[in-house]
Amino acid sequence: MERRQFLAAAGLSLAVPTAGCTAPGNATETPAPQRVTVSFSNDSDRALVFTAAAIAAGFGGVELTYADSETETFPDAETVDDVPTQAWEQAVTFTPLGDAQRRQFRSTAGSGTGIEFEPMPYGSTVVTAVADPIAESPMWSIGSGTCGAVKEASFEVAVDAAGIVHRSTTCTDTPSA
């Protein structure tokens, strides 16, 4: 094949996909929305800080805030495991630097709250944290979970009277009312 014929054939092969035929896609289509809820309850005798973030595709970096209001940034962190354990242990809360929805609140003994995020793509990750800002090691619990391609992802974080953190995840294809 001469160079001119090769270039003409190459041009035709590039034009065909734009004429309505396409090669296999690369998962850039927008997935269906997933209802994501988080509930927190505090039955301990401590004032706690609860934080939750719904993340579609990794942290995009994360900023930790410590009890003295100092912050530390981990720009390459995409998951909880990408941050050193010692940094988490000293943190009171976190803020993803990428595209995420985040909520935080202080909870007194016997209180709780429920959060519903704006609809998220299927398989989004939810990261939750419980911290006691006056403790020597403030972070009591940091964890993450996902439900894959289901209609509803519900996460529950409960602190019992003894100060033990309990987590549960419920993934369903039938949203609750």
N, C-alpha and C. Protein backbone atom coordinates (compact mmCIF):
# COMPACT_ATOMS: atom_id res chain seq x y z
N MET A 1 0.85 -1.17 0.00
CA MET A 1 0.00 0.00 0.00
C MET A 1 0.90 1.23 0.00
N GLU A 2 0.65 2.18 -0.90
CA GLU A 2 1.43 3.39 -0.95
C GLU A 2 1.00 4.31 0.19
N ARG A 3 1.86 5.26 0.50
CA ARG A 3 1.61 6.16 1.61
C ARG A 3 0.28 6.90 1.43
N ARG A 4 -0.02 7.36 0.23
CA ARG A 4 -1.25 8.10 -0.03
C ARG A 4 -2.48 7.23 0.24
N GLN A 5 -2.44 5.96 -0.16
CA GLN A 5 -3.56 5.05 0.08
C GLN A 5 -3.71 4.78 1.59
N PHE A 6 -2.58 4.63 2.30
CA PHE A 6 -2.61 4.40 3.74
C PHE A 6 -3.27 5.57 4.46
N LEU A 7 -2.87 6.78 4.09
CA LEU A 7 -3.45 7.96 4.75
C LEU A 7 -4.94 8.08 4.45
N ALA A 8 -5.33 7.76 3.22
CA ALA A 8 -6.76 7.81 2.89
C ALA A 8 -7.53 6.76 3.68
N ALA A 9 -6.97 5.57 3.83
CA ALA A 9 -7.62 4.51 4.61
C ALA A 9 -7.68 4.90 6.08
N ALA A 10 -6.62 5.51 6.59
CA ALA A 10 -6.60 5.95 7.98
C ALA A 10 -7.66 7.01 8.21
N GLY A 11 -7.79 7.95 7.26
CA GLY A 11 -8.81 8.99 7.38
C GLY A 11 -10.21 8.42 7.39
N LEU A 12 -10.46 7.41 6.56
CA LEU A 12 -11.77 6.76 6.53
C LEU A 12 -12.05 6.04 7.84
N SER A 13 -11.05 5.37 8.39
CA SER A 13 -11.27 4.64 9.64
C SER A 13 -11.55 5.60 10.80
N LEU A 14 -11.00 6.81 10.74
CA LEU A 14 -11.29 7.79 11.79
C LEU A 14 -12.66 8.43 11.60
N ALA A 15 -13.11 8.51 10.35
CA ALA A 15 -14.39 9.15 10.07
C ALA A 15 -15.57 8.24 10.40
N VAL A 16 -15.41 6.94 10.31
CA VAL A 16 -16.51 6.01 10.53
C VAL A 16 -17.11 6.15 11.92
N PRO A 17 -16.30 6.21 13.01
CA PRO A 17 -16.92 6.35 14.33
C PRO A 17 -17.75 7.62 14.48
N THR A 18 -17.37 8.67 13.83
CA THR A 18 -18.15 9.90 13.98
C THR A 18 -19.42 9.87 13.15
N ALA A 19 -19.56 8.83 12.30
CA ALA A 19 -20.76 8.73 11.49
C ALA A 19 -21.84 7.92 12.18
N GLY A 20 -21.71 7.66 13.47
CA GLY A 20 -22.75 6.96 14.21
C GLY A 20 -22.31 5.62 14.73
N CYS A 21 -21.25 5.06 14.22
CA CYS A 21 -20.72 3.80 14.73
C CYS A 21 -19.58 4.15 15.67
N THR A 22 -19.55 3.55 16.83
CA THR A 22 -18.49 3.88 17.76
C THR A 22 -17.83 2.62 18.27
N ALA A 23 -16.62 2.80 18.71
CA ALA A 23 -15.87 1.71 19.33
C ALA A 23 -16.40 1.54 20.75
N PRO A 24 -16.07 0.44 21.42
CA PRO A 24 -16.51 0.27 22.80
C PRO A 24 -16.15 1.48 23.65
N GLY A 25 -17.08 1.93 24.47
CA GLY A 25 -16.90 3.13 25.28
C GLY A 25 -15.99 2.90 26.47
N ASN A 26 -15.64 3.98 27.13
CA ASN A 26 -14.76 3.91 28.28
C ASN A 26 -15.46 4.36 29.56
N ALA A 27 -16.61 3.88 29.83
CA ALA A 27 -17.34 4.11 31.09
C ALA A 27 -17.46 5.58 31.45
N THR A 28 -17.69 6.45 30.48
CA THR A 28 -17.87 7.86 30.81
C THR A 28 -19.35 8.24 30.85
N GLU A 29 -20.24 7.29 30.62
CA GLU A 29 -21.65 7.61 30.68
C GLU A 29 -22.06 7.85 32.13
N THR A 30 -23.05 8.68 32.33
CA THR A 30 -23.50 9.03 33.67
C THR A 30 -24.34 7.89 34.25
N PRO A 31 -23.89 7.32 35.36
CA PRO A 31 -24.67 6.24 35.96
C PRO A 31 -25.95 6.76 36.61
N ALA A 32 -26.88 5.86 36.82
CA ALA A 32 -28.14 6.22 37.45
C ALA A 32 -27.89 6.72 38.88
N PRO A 33 -28.77 7.54 39.40
CA PRO A 33 -28.56 8.07 40.74
C PRO A 33 -28.81 7.02 41.83
N GLN A 34 -28.06 7.15 42.89
CA GLN A 34 -28.19 6.27 44.05
C GLN A 34 -28.55 7.16 45.25
N ARG A 35 -29.54 6.74 46.00
CA ARG A 35 -29.92 7.46 47.22
C ARG A 35 -28.92 7.05 48.30
N VAL A 36 -28.28 8.03 48.92
CA VAL A 36 -27.26 7.76 49.95
C VAL A 36 -27.67 8.46 51.24
N THR A 37 -27.82 7.66 52.31
CA THR A 37 -28.17 8.22 53.62
C THR A 37 -27.17 7.75 54.66
N VAL A 38 -26.99 8.58 55.66
CA VAL A 38 -26.13 8.25 56.80
C VAL A 38 -26.88 8.68 58.06
N SER A 39 -26.92 7.79 59.06
CA SER A 39 -27.50 8.18 60.34
C SER A 39 -26.46 7.99 61.44
N PHE A 40 -26.44 8.94 62.34
CA PHE A 40 -25.51 8.93 63.48
C PHE A 40 -26.33 8.96 64.76
N SER A 41 -25.88 8.20 65.76
CA SER A 41 -26.49 8.33 67.09
C SER A 41 -25.40 8.25 68.14
N ASN A 42 -25.60 8.99 69.22
CA ASN A 42 -24.61 9.09 70.28
C ASN A 42 -25.27 8.80 71.63
N ASP A 43 -25.04 7.60 72.16
CA ASP A 43 -25.56 7.24 73.48
C ASP A 43 -24.47 7.30 74.54
N SER A 44 -23.30 7.83 74.18
CA SER A 44 -22.21 7.97 75.16
C SER A 44 -22.45 9.23 75.99
N ASP A 45 -21.58 9.46 76.95
CA ASP A 45 -21.70 10.67 77.78
C ASP A 45 -20.76 11.78 77.30
N ARG A 46 -20.28 11.66 76.05
CA ARG A 46 -19.31 12.60 75.50
C ARG A 46 -19.92 13.42 74.36
N ALA A 47 -19.43 14.64 74.20
CA ALA A 47 -19.77 15.44 73.01
C ALA A 47 -18.83 14.99 71.90
N LEU A 48 -19.40 14.54 70.79
CA LEU A 48 -18.61 13.98 69.70
C LEU A 48 -18.79 14.78 68.42
N VAL A 49 -17.84 14.64 67.52
CA VAL A 49 -17.94 15.23 66.19
C VAL A 49 -18.14 14.09 65.21
N PHE A 50 -19.22 14.16 64.44
CA PHE A 50 -19.52 13.18 63.40
C PHE A 50 -19.28 13.85 62.05
N THR A 51 -18.62 13.15 61.14
CA THR A 51 -18.39 13.65 59.79
C THR A 51 -18.74 12.55 58.79
N ALA A 52 -19.38 12.94 57.70
CA ALA A 52 -19.68 11.99 56.62
C ALA A 52 -19.43 12.69 55.29
N ALA A 53 -18.89 11.93 54.33
CA ALA A 53 -18.68 12.45 52.98
C ALA A 53 -19.07 11.39 51.97
N ALA A 54 -19.80 11.79 50.95
CA ALA A 54 -20.15 10.91 49.84
C ALA A 54 -19.25 11.31 48.67
N ILE A 55 -18.51 10.33 48.15
CA ILE A 55 -17.47 10.59 47.17
C ILE A 55 -17.68 9.69 45.97
N ALA A 56 -17.77 10.29 44.79
CA ALA A 56 -18.01 9.50 43.58
C ALA A 56 -16.76 8.79 43.09
N ALA A 57 -15.59 9.43 43.19
CA ALA A 57 -14.38 8.83 42.59
C ALA A 57 -13.12 9.19 43.37
N GLY A 58 -13.01 8.79 44.60
CA GLY A 58 -11.80 9.04 45.39
C GLY A 58 -11.80 10.42 46.02
N PHE A 59 -10.97 10.57 47.07
CA PHE A 59 -10.87 11.83 47.80
C PHE A 59 -10.43 12.99 46.91
N GLY A 60 -9.50 12.73 46.00
CA GLY A 60 -8.90 13.84 45.25
C GLY A 60 -8.02 14.64 46.18
N GLY A 61 -7.46 13.97 47.18
CA GLY A 61 -6.71 14.62 48.26
C GLY A 61 -7.64 14.79 49.44
N VAL A 62 -7.07 14.93 50.62
CA VAL A 62 -7.89 15.11 51.82
C VAL A 62 -7.15 16.03 52.80
N GLU A 63 -7.93 16.86 53.47
CA GLU A 63 -7.39 17.74 54.51
C GLU A 63 -7.93 17.27 55.85
N LEU A 64 -7.03 17.03 56.79
CA LEU A 64 -7.44 16.66 58.15
C LEU A 64 -7.37 17.90 59.03
N THR A 65 -8.31 18.02 59.94
CA THR A 65 -8.31 19.11 60.92
C THR A 65 -8.14 18.49 62.30
N TYR A 66 -7.20 19.05 63.06
CA TYR A 66 -6.88 18.54 64.40
C TYR A 66 -7.58 19.38 65.46
N ALA A 67 -7.54 18.93 66.71
CA ALA A 67 -8.25 19.59 67.81
C ALA A 67 -7.82 21.04 68.00
N ASP A 68 -6.57 21.35 67.68
CA ASP A 68 -6.09 22.73 67.83
C ASP A 68 -6.39 23.59 66.60
N SER A 69 -7.24 23.09 65.72
CA SER A 69 -7.66 23.74 64.47
C SER A 69 -6.56 23.79 63.40
N GLU A 70 -5.40 23.21 63.67
CA GLU A 70 -4.37 23.07 62.65
C GLU A 70 -4.85 22.07 61.62
N THR A 71 -4.38 22.21 60.39
CA THR A 71 -4.76 21.29 59.33
C THR A 71 -3.52 20.68 58.70
N GLU A 72 -3.72 19.52 58.10
CA GLU A 72 -2.67 18.84 57.35
C GLU A 72 -3.31 18.29 56.09
N THR A 73 -2.65 18.51 54.96
CA THR A 73 -3.20 18.08 53.67
C THR A 73 -2.40 16.91 53.12
N PHE A 74 -3.13 15.95 52.60
CA PHE A 74 -2.56 14.79 51.92
C PHE A 74 -3.07 14.85 50.48
N PRO A 75 -2.35 15.58 49.60
CA PRO A 75 -2.88 15.86 48.25
C PRO A 75 -3.04 14.64 47.35
N ASP A 76 -2.32 13.56 47.64
CA ASP A 76 -2.39 12.37 46.79
C ASP A 76 -3.33 11.30 47.33
N ALA A 77 -3.96 11.54 48.47
CA ALA A 77 -4.84 10.54 49.08
C ALA A 77 -6.11 10.38 48.26
N GLU A 78 -6.43 9.14 47.92
CA GLU A 78 -7.67 8.82 47.22
C GLU A 78 -8.62 8.00 48.10
N THR A 79 -8.07 7.32 49.12
CA THR A 79 -8.86 6.48 50.03
C THR A 79 -8.42 6.74 51.46
N VAL A 80 -9.17 6.19 52.39
CA VAL A 80 -8.82 6.28 53.81
C VAL A 80 -7.44 5.68 54.05
N ASP A 81 -7.13 4.59 53.37
CA ASP A 81 -5.86 3.89 53.57
C ASP A 81 -4.65 4.66 53.06
N ASP A 82 -4.85 5.69 52.26
CA ASP A 82 -3.73 6.48 51.73
C ASP A 82 -3.23 7.52 52.73
N VAL A 83 -3.87 7.64 53.88
CA VAL A 83 -3.47 8.59 54.92
C VAL A 83 -2.85 7.79 56.06
N PRO A 84 -1.70 8.22 56.58
CA PRO A 84 -1.08 7.48 57.69
C PRO A 84 -2.01 7.34 58.89
N THR A 85 -1.99 6.18 59.51
CA THR A 85 -2.84 5.89 60.66
C THR A 85 -2.66 6.93 61.76
N GLN A 86 -1.41 7.31 62.04
CA GLN A 86 -1.16 8.29 63.11
C GLN A 86 -1.83 9.64 62.82
N ALA A 87 -1.90 10.02 61.55
CA ALA A 87 -2.57 11.28 61.20
C ALA A 87 -4.07 11.18 61.48
N TRP A 88 -4.68 10.04 61.09
CA TRP A 88 -6.10 9.85 61.39
C TRP A 88 -6.35 9.87 62.89
N GLU A 89 -5.50 9.21 63.67
CA GLU A 89 -5.71 9.11 65.12
C GLU A 89 -5.76 10.48 65.79
N GLN A 90 -5.04 11.45 65.26
CA GLN A 90 -4.99 12.78 65.86
C GLN A 90 -6.01 13.75 65.27
N ALA A 91 -6.69 13.33 64.21
CA ALA A 91 -7.65 14.22 63.53
C ALA A 91 -9.00 14.24 64.26
N VAL A 92 -9.71 15.34 64.08
CA VAL A 92 -11.07 15.48 64.59
C VAL A 92 -12.06 15.36 63.43
N THR A 93 -11.66 15.83 62.26
CA THR A 93 -12.52 15.75 61.09
C THR A 93 -11.68 15.75 59.82
N PHE A 94 -12.35 15.57 58.69
CA PHE A 94 -11.67 15.52 57.40
C PHE A 94 -12.50 16.23 56.35
N THR A 95 -11.83 16.68 55.30
CA THR A 95 -12.50 17.31 54.17
C THR A 95 -11.87 16.79 52.88
N PRO A 96 -12.63 16.05 52.06
CA PRO A 96 -12.10 15.64 50.76
C PRO A 96 -11.84 16.89 49.91
N LEU A 97 -10.76 16.87 49.15
CA LEU A 97 -10.44 18.02 48.29
C LEU A 97 -11.05 17.90 46.90
N GLY A 98 -11.45 16.69 46.53
CA GLY A 98 -12.08 16.47 45.22
C GLY A 98 -13.58 16.67 45.29
N ASP A 99 -14.27 16.19 44.27
CA ASP A 99 -15.71 16.33 44.16
C ASP A 99 -16.40 15.43 45.18
N ALA A 100 -16.99 16.02 46.20
CA ALA A 100 -17.63 15.25 47.27
C ALA A 100 -18.70 16.09 47.93
N GLN A 101 -19.62 15.41 48.58
CA GLN A 101 -20.60 16.07 49.45
C GLN A 101 -20.18 15.73 50.88
N ARG A 102 -20.16 16.71 51.75
CA ARG A 102 -19.66 16.50 53.12
C ARG A 102 -20.60 17.17 54.12
N ARG A 103 -20.80 16.48 55.26
CA ARG A 103 -21.59 17.03 56.36
C ARG A 103 -20.84 16.75 57.66
N GLN A 104 -20.96 17.67 58.59
CA GLN A 104 -20.32 17.50 59.90
C GLN A 104 -21.22 18.13 60.95
N PHE A 105 -21.27 17.51 62.13
CA PHE A 105 -22.01 18.11 63.24
C PHE A 105 -21.47 17.60 64.56
N ARG A 106 -21.74 18.38 65.60
CA ARG A 106 -21.40 17.98 66.98
C ARG A 106 -22.63 17.33 67.59
N SER A 107 -22.37 16.30 68.36
CA SER A 107 -23.46 15.55 68.96
C SER A 107 -23.24 15.46 70.47
N THR A 108 -24.28 15.77 71.22
CA THR A 108 -24.21 15.62 72.66
C THR A 108 -24.78 14.26 73.05
N ALA A 109 -24.61 13.89 74.30
CA ALA A 109 -25.11 12.60 74.78
C ALA A 109 -26.58 12.44 74.46
N GLY A 110 -26.94 11.29 73.93
CA GLY A 110 -28.34 10.98 73.65
C GLY A 110 -28.88 11.61 72.38
N SER A 111 -28.04 12.18 71.54
CA SER A 111 -28.55 12.82 70.33
C SER A 111 -28.13 12.04 69.08
N GLY A 112 -28.68 12.46 67.97
CA GLY A 112 -28.34 11.84 66.70
C GLY A 112 -28.95 12.63 65.57
N THR A 113 -28.64 12.23 64.36
CA THR A 113 -29.19 12.90 63.19
C THR A 113 -29.13 11.96 61.99
N GLY A 114 -29.91 12.29 61.00
CA GLY A 114 -29.88 11.57 59.74
C GLY A 114 -29.53 12.53 58.62
N ILE A 115 -28.78 12.05 57.65
CA ILE A 115 -28.32 12.87 56.52
C ILE A 115 -28.74 12.17 55.24
N GLU A 116 -29.28 12.93 54.29
CA GLU A 116 -29.49 12.39 52.95
C GLU A 116 -28.73 13.29 51.99
N PHE A 117 -27.79 12.69 51.28
CA PHE A 117 -27.00 13.43 50.31
C PHE A 117 -27.79 13.59 49.01
N GLU A 118 -27.38 14.54 48.19
CA GLU A 118 -27.92 14.63 46.84
C GLU A 118 -27.63 13.31 46.15
N PRO A 119 -28.46 12.87 45.19
CA PRO A 119 -28.22 11.58 44.52
C PRO A 119 -26.79 11.48 43.99
N MET A 120 -26.22 10.30 44.16
CA MET A 120 -24.83 10.03 43.78
C MET A 120 -24.80 8.96 42.69
N PRO A 121 -23.70 8.87 41.94
CA PRO A 121 -23.57 7.77 40.97
C PRO A 121 -23.50 6.43 41.70
N TYR A 122 -23.96 5.37 41.06
CA TYR A 122 -23.85 4.03 41.64
C TYR A 122 -22.40 3.76 42.03
N GLY A 123 -22.23 3.08 43.15
CA GLY A 123 -20.89 2.68 43.58
C GLY A 123 -20.10 3.76 44.28
N SER A 124 -20.73 4.88 44.61
CA SER A 124 -20.01 5.94 45.33
C SER A 124 -19.58 5.42 46.70
N THR A 125 -18.54 6.02 47.23
CA THR A 125 -18.01 5.64 48.54
C THR A 125 -18.49 6.64 49.58
N VAL A 126 -18.87 6.13 50.74
CA VAL A 126 -19.22 6.98 51.87
C VAL A 126 -18.16 6.78 52.95
N VAL A 127 -17.60 7.89 53.41
CA VAL A 127 -16.60 7.86 54.48
C VAL A 127 -17.22 8.51 55.70
N THR A 128 -17.15 7.82 56.85
CA THR A 128 -17.70 8.37 58.09
C THR A 128 -16.62 8.39 59.16
N ALA A 129 -16.72 9.37 60.04
CA ALA A 129 -15.75 9.50 61.13
C ALA A 129 -16.47 9.92 62.40
N VAL A 130 -15.96 9.43 63.53
CA VAL A 130 -16.44 9.81 64.86
C VAL A 130 -15.23 10.22 65.66
N ALA A 131 -15.27 11.42 66.25
CA ALA A 131 -14.13 11.91 67.02
C ALA A 131 -14.58 12.59 68.30
N ASP A 132 -13.74 12.49 69.31
CA ASP A 132 -13.92 13.21 70.58
C ASP A 132 -12.83 14.29 70.61
N PRO A 133 -13.18 15.54 70.35
CA PRO A 133 -12.16 16.58 70.19
C PRO A 133 -11.32 16.86 71.43
N ILE A 134 -11.73 16.40 72.60
CA ILE A 134 -10.92 16.65 73.79
C ILE A 134 -10.12 15.43 74.24
N ALA A 135 -10.22 14.33 73.54
CA ALA A 135 -9.46 13.12 73.89
C ALA A 135 -8.02 13.24 73.40
N GLU A 136 -7.14 12.49 74.04
CA GLU A 136 -5.72 12.49 73.64
C GLU A 136 -5.56 12.03 72.19
N SER A 137 -6.24 10.98 71.83
CA SER A 137 -6.33 10.53 70.43
C SER A 137 -7.79 10.72 70.01
N PRO A 138 -8.10 11.86 69.39
CA PRO A 138 -9.51 12.21 69.14
C PRO A 138 -10.29 11.25 68.25
N MET A 139 -9.68 10.71 67.20
CA MET A 139 -10.44 9.92 66.23
C MET A 139 -10.79 8.56 66.82
N TRP A 140 -12.08 8.36 67.07
CA TRP A 140 -12.55 7.09 67.59
C TRP A 140 -12.75 6.08 66.48
N SER A 141 -13.18 6.57 65.32
CA SER A 141 -13.50 5.65 64.23
C SER A 141 -13.46 6.39 62.90
N ILE A 142 -12.83 5.77 61.90
CA ILE A 142 -12.87 6.26 60.52
C ILE A 142 -13.09 5.03 59.65
N GLY A 143 -14.02 5.13 58.73
CA GLY A 143 -14.29 3.98 57.88
C GLY A 143 -14.96 4.39 56.60
N SER A 144 -14.98 3.47 55.65
CA SER A 144 -15.62 3.75 54.37
C SER A 144 -16.37 2.52 53.89
N GLY A 145 -17.34 2.76 53.04
CA GLY A 145 -18.12 1.67 52.48
C GLY A 145 -18.77 2.09 51.18
N THR A 146 -19.20 1.09 50.43
CA THR A 146 -19.88 1.32 49.17
C THR A 146 -20.92 0.23 48.97
N CYS A 147 -21.91 0.51 48.16
CA CYS A 147 -22.96 -0.48 47.91
C CYS A 147 -23.02 -0.95 46.47
N GLY A 148 -22.16 -0.49 45.61
CA GLY A 148 -22.21 -0.94 44.22
C GLY A 148 -23.43 -0.38 43.50
N ALA A 149 -23.96 -1.16 42.55
CA ALA A 149 -25.05 -0.69 41.68
C ALA A 149 -26.42 -1.04 42.24
N VAL A 150 -26.78 -0.44 43.37
CA VAL A 150 -28.11 -0.60 43.94
C VAL A 150 -28.74 0.78 44.09
N LYS A 151 -30.04 0.81 44.25
CA LYS A 151 -30.76 2.08 44.29
C LYS A 151 -30.54 2.87 45.59
N GLU A 152 -30.29 2.18 46.70
CA GLU A 152 -30.16 2.87 47.97
C GLU A 152 -28.99 2.32 48.78
N ALA A 153 -28.19 3.24 49.31
CA ALA A 153 -27.07 2.90 50.18
C ALA A 153 -27.28 3.62 51.51
N SER A 154 -27.46 2.85 52.59
CA SER A 154 -27.71 3.43 53.91
C SER A 154 -26.60 3.00 54.87
N PHE A 155 -26.04 3.98 55.55
CA PHE A 155 -24.96 3.74 56.49
C PHE A 155 -25.39 4.23 57.86
N GLU A 156 -25.12 3.43 58.87
CA GLU A 156 -25.48 3.79 60.24
C GLU A 156 -24.23 3.72 61.11
N VAL A 157 -24.03 4.78 61.89
CA VAL A 157 -22.92 4.83 62.83
C VAL A 157 -23.53 5.15 64.19
N ALA A 158 -23.30 4.25 65.15
CA ALA A 158 -23.89 4.43 66.49
C ALA A 158 -22.79 4.27 67.54
N VAL A 159 -22.79 5.18 68.49
CA VAL A 159 -21.87 5.09 69.63
C VAL A 159 -22.71 4.71 70.84
N ASP A 160 -22.37 3.57 71.46
CA ASP A 160 -23.18 3.11 72.59
C ASP A 160 -22.73 3.77 73.89
N ALA A 161 -23.41 3.45 74.99
CA ALA A 161 -23.15 4.08 76.29
C ALA A 161 -21.71 3.88 76.76
N ALA A 162 -21.08 2.78 76.35
CA ALA A 162 -19.70 2.50 76.74
C ALA A 162 -18.69 3.21 75.82
N GLY A 163 -19.18 3.91 74.81
CA GLY A 163 -18.29 4.61 73.89
C GLY A 163 -17.77 3.75 72.75
N ILE A 164 -18.39 2.61 72.53
CA ILE A 164 -17.99 1.73 71.43
C ILE A 164 -18.76 2.12 70.18
N VAL A 165 -18.03 2.25 69.07
CA VAL A 165 -18.63 2.66 67.79
C VAL A 165 -19.07 1.42 67.03
N HIS A 166 -20.33 1.43 66.59
CA HIS A 166 -20.90 0.34 65.79
C HIS A 166 -21.26 0.91 64.42
N ARG A 167 -20.94 0.15 63.37
CA ARG A 167 -21.24 0.56 62.01
C ARG A 167 -22.06 -0.51 61.31
N SER A 168 -22.97 -0.08 60.46
CA SER A 168 -23.69 -1.04 59.63
C SER A 168 -23.97 -0.38 58.28
N THR A 169 -24.07 -1.22 57.27
CA THR A 169 -24.35 -0.77 55.91
C THR A 169 -25.49 -1.63 55.37
N THR A 170 -26.46 -0.97 54.76
CA THR A 170 -27.58 -1.66 54.14
C THR A 170 -27.67 -1.21 52.68
N CYS A 171 -27.62 -2.18 51.77
CA CYS A 171 -27.69 -1.91 50.34
C CYS A 171 -28.96 -2.55 49.80
N THR A 172 -29.83 -1.73 49.19
CA THR A 172 -31.10 -2.27 48.68
C THR A 172 -31.40 -1.74 47.28
N ASP A 173 -32.16 -2.53 46.54
CA ASP A 173 -32.60 -2.10 45.22
C ASP A 173 -33.98 -1.48 45.25
N THR A 174 -34.63 -1.47 46.40
CA THR A 174 -35.93 -0.87 46.54
C THR A 174 -35.81 0.27 47.56
N PRO A 175 -35.82 1.53 47.09
CA PRO A 175 -35.67 2.65 48.02
C PRO A 175 -36.78 2.67 49.06
N SER A 176 -36.42 3.06 50.27
CA SER A 176 -37.42 3.21 51.33
C SER A 176 -38.18 4.50 51.13
N ALA A 177 -39.35 4.58 51.70
CA ALA A 177 -40.19 5.79 51.52
C ALA A 177 -39.73 6.92 52.38
